[in-house]
C-alpha atoms as a PDB file:
ATOM      1  CA  MET A   1      -9.512  88.160 -47.566  1.00  0.00           C
ATOM      2  CA  SER A   2      -8.710  85.356 -45.501  1.00  0.00           C
ATOM      3  CA  ILE A   3     -11.327  83.359 -43.785  1.00  0.00           C
ATOM      4  CA  ASP A   4     -10.309  81.582 -40.725  1.00  0.00           C
ATOM      5  CA  VAL A   5     -12.350  78.541 -40.542  1.00  0.00           C
ATOM      6  CA  GLU A   6     -11.714  75.877 -38.138  1.00  0.00           C
ATOM      7  CA  TYR A   7     -12.363  72.458 -39.273  1.00  0.00           C
ATOM      8  CA  ALA A   8     -13.083  69.701 -36.926  1.00  0.00           C
ATOM      9  CA  ILE A   9     -11.721  66.568 -38.277  1.00  0.00           C
ATOM     10  CA  LYS A  10     -13.417  63.652 -36.815  1.00  0.00           C
ATOM     11  CA  LYS A  11     -11.537  60.384 -36.848  1.00  0.00           C
ATOM     12  CA  ASP A  12     -13.476  57.202 -36.833  1.00  0.00           C
ATOM     13  CA  VAL A  13     -12.072  55.246 -33.800  1.00  0.00           C
ATOM     14  CA  ARG A  14     -13.384  51.801 -33.281  1.00  0.00           C
ATOM     15  CA  ASN A  15     -13.450  50.673 -29.668  1.00  0.00           C
ATOM     16  CA  ASN A  16     -14.460  47.179 -30.492  1.00  0.00           C
ATOM     17  CA  PRO A  17     -12.553  44.578 -28.448  1.00  0.00           C
ATOM     18  CA  VAL A  18      -9.946  42.663 -30.223  1.00  0.00           C
ATOM     19  CA  VAL A  19     -10.774  38.977 -30.114  1.00  0.00           C
ATOM     20  CA  ARG A  20      -7.794  36.722 -30.080  1.00  0.00           C
ATOM     21  CA  GLY A  21      -7.728  33.009 -30.520  1.00  0.00           C
ATOM     22  CA  VAL A  22      -7.244  30.761 -27.472  1.00  0.00           C
ATOM     23  CA  ASP A  23      -3.623  29.807 -26.967  1.00  0.00           C
ATOM     24  CA  MET A  24      -3.794  26.145 -25.961  1.00  0.00           C
ATOM     25  CA  GLN A  25      -0.137  26.006 -24.932  1.00  0.00           C
ATOM     26  CA  GLN A  26      -0.629  28.901 -22.513  1.00  0.00           C
ATOM     27  CA  ARG A  27      -3.809  27.299 -21.151  1.00  0.00           C
ATOM     28  CA  ARG A  28      -1.955  23.982 -20.509  1.00  0.00           C
ATOM     29  CA  GLU A  29       0.890  25.781 -18.732  1.00  0.00           C
ATOM     30  CA  PHE A  30      -1.610  27.657 -16.558  1.00  0.00           C
ATOM     31  CA  ALA A  31      -3.442  24.433 -15.664  1.00  0.00           C
ATOM     32  CA  ARG A  32      -0.146  22.685 -14.879  1.00  0.00           C
ATOM     33  CA  SER A  33       0.994  25.595 -12.687  1.00  0.00           C
ATOM     34  CA  LEU A  34      -2.371  25.595 -10.926  1.00  0.00           C
ATOM     35  CA  LEU A  35      -2.173  21.846 -10.229  1.00  0.00           C
ATOM     36  CA  ILE A  36       1.404  22.079  -8.951  1.00  0.00           C
ATOM     37  CA  GLY A  37       0.453  24.997  -6.718  1.00  0.00           C
ATOM     38  CA  ALA A  38      -2.577  23.129  -5.374  1.00  0.00           C
ATOM     39  CA  ALA A  39      -0.414  20.059  -4.674  1.00  0.00           C
ATOM     40  CA  VAL A  40       2.179  22.132  -2.804  1.00  0.00           C
ATOM     41  CA  VAL A  41      -0.491  23.914  -0.764  1.00  0.00           C
ATOM     42  CA  SER A  42      -2.207  20.622   0.085  1.00  0.00           C
ATOM     43  CA  MET A  43       1.118  19.076   1.182  1.00  0.00           C
ATOM     44  CA  LEU A  44       1.848  22.085   3.370  1.00  0.00           C
ATOM     45  CA  LEU A  45      -1.625  21.944   4.916  1.00  0.00           C
ATOM     46  CA  PHE A  46      -1.299  18.199   5.542  1.00  0.00           C
ATOM     47  CA  SER A  47       2.106  18.695   7.155  1.00  0.00           C
ATOM     48  CA  ALA A  48       0.768  21.521   9.347  1.00  0.00           C
ATOM     49  CA  TRP A  49      -2.213  19.362  10.335  1.00  0.00           C
ATOM     50  CA  GLN A  50       0.076  16.489  11.367  1.00  0.00           C
ATOM     51  CA  HIS A  51       2.284  18.873  13.325  1.00  0.00           C
ATOM     52  CA  TYR A  52      -0.775  20.275  15.102  1.00  0.00           C
ATOM     53  CA  LEU A  53      -1.991  16.760  15.976  1.00  0.00           C
ATOM     54  CA  LEU A  54       1.457  15.839  17.287  1.00  0.00           C
ATOM     55  CA  ILE A  55       1.539  18.872  19.556  1.00  0.00           C
ATOM     56  CA  ASP A  56      -2.066  18.295  20.671  1.00  0.00           C
ATOM     57  CA  HIS A  57      -1.402  14.658  21.536  1.00  0.00           C
ATOM     58  CA  SER A  58       1.794  15.493  23.405  1.00  0.00           C
ATOM     59  CA  ILE A  59      -0.125  18.044  25.490  1.00  0.00           C
ATOM     60  CA  LYS A  60      -2.799  15.445  26.254  1.00  0.00           C
ATOM     61  CA  VAL A  61      -0.131  12.886  27.216  1.00  0.00           C
ATOM     62  CA  GLN A  62       1.477  15.381  29.583  1.00  0.00           C
ATOM     63  CA  GLN A  63      -1.909  16.125  31.164  1.00  0.00           C
ATOM     64  CA  LEU A  64      -2.620  12.414  31.583  1.00  0.00           C
ATOM     65  CA  LEU A  65       0.809  11.828  33.122  1.00  0.00           C
ATOM     66  CA  GLY A  66       0.149  14.626  35.605  1.00  0.00           C
ATOM     67  CA  GLN A  67      -3.259  13.198  36.390  1.00  0.00           C
ATOM     68  CA  ARG A  68      -1.718   9.740  36.830  1.00  0.00           C
ATOM     69  CA  ALA A  69       0.846  11.130  39.287  1.00  0.00           C
ATOM     70  CA  VAL A  70      -1.964  12.739  41.299  1.00  0.00           C
ATOM     71  CA  GLU A  71      -3.932   9.489  41.309  1.00  0.00           C
ATOM     72  CA  GLU A  72      -0.875   7.468  42.390  1.00  0.00           C
ATOM     73  CA  ARG A  73      -0.234   9.928  45.222  1.00  0.00           C
ATOM     74  CA  ASP A  74      -3.851   9.643  46.356  1.00  0.00           C
ATOM     75  CA  ASN A  75      -3.659   5.856  46.078  1.00  0.00           C
ATOM     76  CA  ARG A  76      -0.577   5.753  48.333  1.00  0.00           C
ATOM     77  CA  ARG A  77      -2.273   8.042  50.833  1.00  0.00           C
ATOM     78  CA  TRP A  78      -5.446   5.912  50.939  1.00  0.00           C
ATOM     79  CA  ARG A  79      -3.439   2.681  51.283  1.00  0.00           C
ATOM     80  CA  LEU A  80      -1.499   4.182  54.177  1.00  0.00           C
ATOM     81  CA  GLU A  81      -4.713   5.288  55.826  1.00  0.00           C
ATOM     82  CA  LEU A  82      -6.247   1.827  55.290  1.00  0.00           C
ATOM     83  CA  GLU A  83      -3.232   0.076  56.795  1.00  0.00           C
ATOM     84  CA  THR A  84      -3.288   2.521  59.705  1.00  0.00           C
ATOM     85  CA  LEU A  85      -6.959   1.795  60.350  1.00  0.00           C
ATOM     86  CA  ARG A  86      -6.302  -1.959  60.197  1.00  0.00           C
ATOM     87  CA  ALA A  87      -3.687  -1.794  62.976  1.00  0.00           C
ATOM     88  CA  PRO A  88      -4.797  -4.087  65.846  1.00  0.00           C
ATOM     89  CA  ALA A  89      -3.952  -1.618  68.596  1.00  0.00           C
ATOM     90  CA  LEU A  90      -6.007   1.120  66.936  1.00  0.00           C
ATOM     91  CA  LEU A  91      -8.931  -1.242  66.348  1.00  0.00           C
ATOM     92  CA  GLU A  92      -8.851  -2.336  69.985  1.00  0.00           C
ATOM     93  CA  SER A  93      -8.802   1.212  71.338  1.00  0.00           C
ATOM     94  CA  ARG A  94     -11.603   2.356  69.003  1.00  0.00           C
ATOM     95  CA  ALA A  95     -13.722  -0.688  69.892  1.00  0.00           C
ATOM     96  CA  MET A  96     -13.373   0.101  73.568  1.00  0.00           C
ATOM     97  CA  LYS A  97     -13.957   3.849  73.258  1.00  0.00           C
ATOM     98  CA  GLU A  98     -16.556   4.139  70.517  1.00  0.00           C
ATOM     99  CA  LEU A  99     -18.430   0.836  70.864  1.00  0.00           C
ATOM    100  CA  GLY A 100     -18.017   0.300  74.614  1.00  0.00           C
ATOM    101  CA  MET A 101     -16.509  -3.151  74.237  1.00  0.00           C
ATOM    102  CA  VAL A 102     -14.584  -4.765  77.111  1.00  0.00           C
ATOM    103  CA  TYR A 103     -12.268  -7.744  77.508  1.00  0.00           C
ATOM    104  CA  PRO A 104     -14.161 -10.950  78.315  1.00  0.00           C
ATOM    105  CA  GLU A 105     -13.928 -12.495  81.752  1.00  0.00           C
ATOM    106  CA  PRO A 106     -11.911 -15.724  81.967  1.00  0.00           C
ATOM    107  CA  GLY A 107     -15.061 -17.825  82.458  1.00  0.00           C
ATOM    108  CA  GLN A 108     -16.857 -16.278  79.455  1.00  0.00           C
ATOM    109  CA  THR A 109     -14.523 -17.638  76.806  1.00  0.00           C
ATOM    110  CA  LEU A 110     -14.821 -20.992  75.121  1.00  0.00           C
ATOM    111  CA  VAL A 111     -11.955 -22.223  72.971  1.00  0.00           C
ATOM    112  CA  ILE A 112     -12.883 -24.603  70.169  1.00  0.00           C
ATOM    113  CA  GLU A 113     -10.019 -26.492  68.666  1.00  0.00           C
ATOM    114  CA  ARG A 114     -10.004 -27.939  65.200  1.00  0.00           C
ATOM    115  CA  VAL A 115      -9.497 -31.666  65.206  1.00  0.00           C
ATOM    116  CA  THR A 116      -8.040 -33.319  62.180  1.00  0.00           C
ATOM    117  CA  SER A 117      -9.521 -36.678  61.415  1.00  0.00           C
ATOM    118  CA  SER A 118      -7.480 -39.767  60.877  1.00  0.00           C
ATOM    119  CA  THR A 119      -7.200 -41.263  57.444  1.00  0.00           C
ATOM    120  CA  ALA A 120     -10.492 -42.289  55.906  1.00  0.00           C
ATOM    121  CA  PRO A 121     -11.359 -45.988  56.007  1.00  0.00           C
ATOM    122  CA  ALA A 122     -11.198 -47.851  52.724  1.00  0.00           C
ATOM    123  CA  THR A 123     -14.955 -48.238  52.615  1.00  0.00           C
ATOM    124  CA  VAL A 124     -15.542 -44.496  52.350  1.00  0.00           C
ATOM    125  CA  VAL A 125     -15.976 -43.381  48.757  1.00  0.00           C
ATOM    126  CA  ALA A 126     -16.078 -39.616  49.311  1.00  0.00           C
ATOM    127  CA  SER A 127     -12.775 -37.802  49.250  1.00  0.00           C
ATOM    128  CA  ALA A 128     -11.526 -35.938  52.309  1.00  0.00           C
ATOM    129  CA  ARG A 129     -11.308 -32.243  52.161  1.00  0.00           C
END
């Protein structure tokens, strides 16, 4: 007679984590790689920041140059208008039309001439103008 018996063999498996010692050489290499990477990234960011500032300033300079050209054009236009308004013929015609001025009659004018004095006598202390 044969008895078929199944046996369950239970193996004792330990799932405890394996604790290894800290490898100082590997830790130093990791720290060195991290520092080198941080330095490279910071240099790239600094370079990109400078490039951005250069482009930003060049855009601002171009805008200011355009604004300066507009202001110079307006300045020329206002100077031309000022010189046009200062023209004697235009002033005379506007004075007659808008203000109702007329030419004076020959008897209404009085001409005052400037007389230059002779040299000051020696007794005068004040200087001549």
